[in-house]
Amino acid sequence: MSTEFTLHAKGREDTGKGASRRLRRLAEEIPAIVYGGKKKPAQISLTHKDVAKALENEAFYSHIISLDVDGKSEDVIIKDIQRHPAKSLVQHMDFFRVSKSTKLQVRAPLHFINEEECVGVKLGGGLIAHSMTELEISCLPKDLPEYLEVDMAEIDLGQTVHISDIELPKGVASVALSHGEDHDLPVASVNKPKAVEIEEEVTEEVAEDAADSTEDSAEEASEE
């Protein structure tokens, strides 16, 4: 996959909580760290408005980013983003250096398609429930997908889509499935609406009560 995102950053030597607060408050910049590969970890700062704009694109989170630090560029991916608990501000970022020849593990977003045409919804009146919104995958940087599609068209009422049902692109593997079949977790399911479930439970209870009453009457009649 070609690099489509570029961020410009500056190296920084002034570290610590006080320095980070000054960066965020006075310069509207984000303190960050770059690590991985054969180089030492590097402390950097980025312009908040540039990062905020890039974060509006979903692909940015799982894409290879060309990080330009003081004129020197290297390929990285985002490993962590720390946000302000109350404001829409990024407080810190971690970037991981990637190599073209080394596999990496990232979380790719899941895109659920054909939900309106889903058999269990159109014909069964069911509701789709998502158990996952992203999946951890392993692949070379060139094979990194922006997202993974989960086709819900043929899923019937009461059925569940698992990780193994997702069609992964060539060169991409599920990290969970690499640990064995026991890790084939559910991704989405088509369930009966709650009101229908409750109604069916009530009907079953009434039927059971009626059956018990019939049995009791038969026992009493036999005793007489």
Protein backbone atom coordinates (compact mmCIF):
# COMPACT_ATOMS: atom_id res chain seq x y z
CA MET A 1 0.00 0.00 0.00
CA SER A 2 1.44 3.38 -0.95
CA THR A 3 1.86 6.09 1.68
CA GLU A 4 -0.85 8.69 1.38
CA PHE A 5 -0.47 10.55 4.67
CA THR A 6 2.36 12.89 5.62
CA LEU A 7 2.93 14.60 8.96
CA HIS A 8 5.59 17.21 9.65
CA ALA A 9 7.21 17.19 13.06
CA LYS A 10 10.05 18.79 15.00
CA GLY A 11 12.52 17.06 17.25
CA ARG A 12 12.51 18.22 20.87
CA GLU A 13 14.92 17.91 23.75
CA ASP A 14 12.79 19.54 26.43
CA THR A 15 10.86 16.61 27.94
CA GLY A 16 8.72 15.95 31.00
CA LYS A 17 5.16 16.83 32.02
CA GLY A 18 5.89 20.55 32.34
CA ALA A 19 7.39 20.74 28.86
CA SER A 20 4.46 18.81 27.39
CA ARG A 21 1.95 21.15 29.02
CA ARG A 22 3.77 24.18 27.64
CA LEU A 23 3.74 22.66 24.15
CA ARG A 24 0.02 22.02 24.23
CA ARG A 25 -0.92 25.33 25.82
CA LEU A 26 1.43 27.87 24.26
CA ALA A 27 2.31 26.43 20.86
CA GLU A 28 -0.83 24.35 20.21
CA GLU A 29 1.44 21.42 19.52
CA ILE A 30 1.23 17.72 20.46
CA PRO A 31 4.12 15.98 22.22
CA ALA A 32 4.86 12.56 20.72
CA ILE A 33 7.39 9.76 20.61
CA VAL A 34 8.73 7.65 17.72
CA TYR A 35 10.22 4.24 18.49
CA GLY A 36 10.96 0.84 16.94
CA GLY A 37 13.44 -0.39 14.40
CA LYS A 38 17.18 0.00 14.94
CA LYS A 39 17.00 3.68 15.90
CA LYS A 40 16.66 5.05 19.40
CA PRO A 41 13.27 6.46 20.51
CA ALA A 42 12.88 10.10 19.51
CA GLN A 43 10.83 12.82 21.19
CA ILE A 44 8.97 15.01 18.70
CA SER A 45 6.17 17.57 18.50
CA LEU A 46 3.43 18.00 15.90
CA THR A 47 1.03 20.81 15.03
CA HIS A 48 -2.35 20.01 16.57
CA LYS A 49 -4.46 21.35 13.70
CA ASP A 50 -2.61 19.14 11.17
CA VAL A 51 -3.13 16.04 13.29
CA ALA A 52 -6.79 16.87 13.96
CA LYS A 53 -7.44 17.18 10.23
CA ALA A 54 -5.71 13.86 9.48
CA LEU A 55 -7.66 12.08 12.23
CA GLU A 56 -10.91 12.93 10.44
CA ASN A 57 -9.99 10.24 7.90
CA GLU A 58 -10.62 6.72 9.21
CA ALA A 59 -7.79 5.30 7.10
CA PHE A 60 -5.25 7.42 8.98
CA TYR A 61 -5.52 5.20 12.07
CA SER A 62 -4.38 2.01 10.30
CA HIS A 63 -2.35 3.46 7.45
CA ILE A 64 1.37 3.90 6.93
CA ILE A 65 2.29 7.53 7.59
CA SER A 66 5.27 9.36 6.18
CA LEU A 67 6.61 11.21 9.22
CA ASP A 68 8.91 14.12 8.32
CA VAL A 69 11.05 15.05 11.34
CA ASP A 70 13.21 18.10 10.68
CA GLY A 71 13.45 17.22 7.00
CA LYS A 72 14.16 13.50 7.46
CA SER A 73 11.32 11.14 6.53
CA GLU A 74 10.50 7.66 7.87
CA ASP A 75 7.49 5.37 7.62
CA VAL A 76 5.46 4.87 10.81
CA ILE A 77 2.08 3.73 12.07
CA ILE A 78 0.09 5.03 15.02
CA LYS A 79 0.40 2.86 18.12
CA ASP A 80 -1.42 5.02 20.65
CA ILE A 81 -3.34 8.28 20.94
CA GLN A 82 -4.05 9.93 24.27
CA ARG A 83 -6.98 12.34 24.24
CA HIS A 84 -8.25 14.94 26.69
CA PRO A 85 -11.07 13.42 28.79
CA ALA A 86 -13.43 16.36 28.24
CA LYS A 87 -12.18 18.30 25.22
CA SER A 88 -11.60 17.28 21.61
CA LEU A 89 -7.84 17.60 22.01
CA VAL A 90 -5.04 15.12 21.41
CA GLN A 91 -2.58 15.18 24.31
CA HIS A 92 0.07 12.68 23.21
CA MET A 93 0.84 10.25 20.37
CA ASP A 94 3.03 7.17 19.96
CA PHE A 95 4.40 6.24 16.53
CA PHE A 96 6.08 2.95 15.59
CA ARG A 97 8.68 2.73 12.83
CA VAL A 98 7.93 0.13 10.14
CA SER A 99 10.14 -1.77 7.73
CA LYS A 100 9.06 -2.91 4.28
CA SER A 101 10.38 -6.41 5.01
CA THR A 102 8.97 -6.86 8.52
CA LYS A 103 5.40 -7.86 9.30
CA LEU A 104 3.47 -5.60 11.61
CA GLN A 105 0.36 -5.98 13.74
CA VAL A 106 -2.35 -3.34 13.51
CA ARG A 107 -6.08 -3.03 14.09
CA ALA A 108 -8.03 -2.62 10.85
CA PRO A 109 -11.54 -1.12 11.00
CA LEU A 110 -14.46 -3.34 9.97
CA HIS A 111 -16.97 -2.09 7.39
CA PHE A 112 -20.30 -3.92 7.53
CA ILE A 113 -21.92 -4.00 4.08
CA ASN A 114 -25.35 -5.07 2.76
CA GLU A 115 -26.97 -4.71 6.17
CA GLU A 116 -30.21 -3.40 4.65
CA GLU A 117 -30.34 -6.41 2.30
CA CYS A 118 -29.55 -8.89 5.09
CA VAL A 119 -31.86 -11.94 4.87
CA GLY A 120 -32.35 -12.08 8.61
CA VAL A 121 -33.40 -8.44 8.68
CA LYS A 122 -35.58 -8.26 5.54
CA LEU A 123 -37.33 -11.60 5.89
CA GLY A 124 -36.87 -12.46 9.55
CA GLY A 125 -37.38 -9.02 11.06
CA GLY A 126 -34.13 -9.36 13.00
CA LEU A 127 -31.69 -6.78 14.27
CA ILE A 128 -27.94 -6.76 13.56
CA ALA A 129 -25.65 -6.61 16.59
CA HIS A 130 -21.93 -5.85 16.17
CA SER A 131 -19.51 -7.59 18.52
CA MET A 132 -16.42 -5.98 16.93
CA THR A 133 -15.66 -2.75 15.10
CA GLU A 134 -12.01 -3.57 14.30
CA LEU A 135 -9.82 -6.64 13.90
CA GLU A 136 -6.16 -7.11 14.77
CA ILE A 137 -4.25 -8.32 11.72
CA SER A 138 -0.70 -9.19 10.74
CA CYS A 139 0.85 -8.35 7.36
CA LEU A 140 3.68 -6.66 5.53
CA PRO A 141 3.35 -2.87 5.16
CA LYS A 142 2.64 -3.20 1.42
CA ASP A 143 -0.40 -5.44 2.14
CA LEU A 144 -1.92 -3.26 4.86
CA PRO A 145 -5.65 -2.72 4.09
CA GLU A 146 -7.47 0.49 4.99
CA TYR A 147 -10.43 -1.58 6.21
CA LEU A 148 -11.98 -5.06 6.07
CA GLU A 149 -15.46 -5.77 4.70
CA VAL A 150 -18.00 -7.97 6.49
CA ASP A 151 -20.81 -8.95 4.10
CA MET A 152 -24.10 -9.39 5.98
CA ALA A 153 -26.30 -10.10 2.92
CA GLU A 154 -26.77 -13.86 3.44
CA ILE A 155 -26.82 -13.94 7.24
CA ASP A 156 -30.13 -15.34 8.50
CA LEU A 157 -31.99 -14.79 11.74
CA GLY A 158 -30.13 -16.41 14.62
CA GLN A 159 -26.86 -16.75 12.70
CA THR A 160 -23.48 -15.33 13.77
CA VAL A 161 -20.54 -14.14 11.68
CA HIS A 162 -17.15 -15.16 13.10
CA ILE A 163 -13.63 -13.96 12.36
CA SER A 164 -13.06 -16.98 10.11
CA ASP A 165 -15.98 -15.85 7.93
CA ILE A 166 -14.24 -12.60 6.98
CA GLU A 167 -12.55 -12.72 3.59
CA LEU A 168 -9.08 -11.34 4.26
CA PRO A 169 -6.96 -9.84 1.46
CA LYS A 170 -3.92 -11.73 0.20
CA GLY A 171 -1.02 -11.51 2.62
CA VAL A 172 -3.21 -10.56 5.57
CA ALA A 173 -3.81 -12.87 8.56
CA SER A 174 -5.92 -12.62 11.69
CA VAL A 175 -3.85 -12.46 14.87
CA ALA A 176 -6.63 -14.10 16.89
CA LEU A 177 -6.97 -17.07 14.53
CA SER A 178 -3.20 -17.63 14.66
CA HIS A 179 -3.75 -18.72 18.28
CA GLY A 180 -6.18 -21.50 17.30
CA GLU A 181 -9.85 -22.21 16.58
CA ASP A 182 -10.82 -21.35 20.16
CA HIS A 183 -10.09 -17.72 19.29
CA ASP A 184 -12.57 -17.59 16.38
CA LEU A 185 -14.64 -14.90 18.06
CA PRO A 186 -18.04 -13.57 16.93
CA VAL A 187 -18.02 -10.41 14.84
CA ALA A 188 -21.75 -9.79 14.29
CA SER A 189 -25.07 -11.58 14.61
CA VAL A 190 -28.70 -11.22 13.55
CA ASN A 191 -30.96 -11.44 16.59
CA LYS A 192 -34.68 -11.41 17.24
CA PRO A 193 -36.00 -8.07 18.52
CA LYS A 194 -36.31 -7.99 22.32
CA ALA A 195 -40.08 -7.55 22.19
CA VAL A 196 -40.44 -10.74 20.14
CA GLU A 197 -38.18 -12.67 22.52
CA ILE A 198 -40.18 -11.53 25.54
CA GLU A 199 -43.46 -12.41 23.82
CA GLU A 200 -42.16 -15.89 22.98
CA GLU A 201 -40.94 -16.40 26.55
CA VAL A 202 -44.34 -15.39 27.92
CA THR A 203 -46.08 -17.73 25.47
CA GLU A 204 -43.80 -20.59 26.52
CA GLU A 205 -44.46 -19.90 30.20
CA VAL A 206 -48.23 -19.85 29.63
CA ALA A 207 -48.00 -23.12 27.71
CA GLU A 208 -45.93 -24.70 30.49
CA ASP A 209 -48.37 -23.49 33.15
CA ALA A 210 -51.28 -24.90 31.15
CA ALA A 211 -49.51 -28.23 30.77
CA ASP A 212 -48.73 -28.35 34.50
CA SER A 213 -52.36 -27.51 35.31
CA THR A 214 -53.57 -30.31 33.03
CA GLU A 215 -51.21 -32.79 34.68
CA ASP A 216 -52.36 -31.72 38.16
CA SER A 217 -56.02 -32.13 37.17
CA ALA A 218 -55.32 -35.59 35.76
CA GLU A 219 -53.52 -36.64 38.95
CA GLU A 220 -56.39 -35.39 41.12
CA ALA A 221 -58.92 -37.22 38.99
CA SER A 222 -56.94 -40.46 39.25
CA GLU A 223 -56.72 -40.14 43.06
CA GLU A 224 -60.51 -39.79 43.32
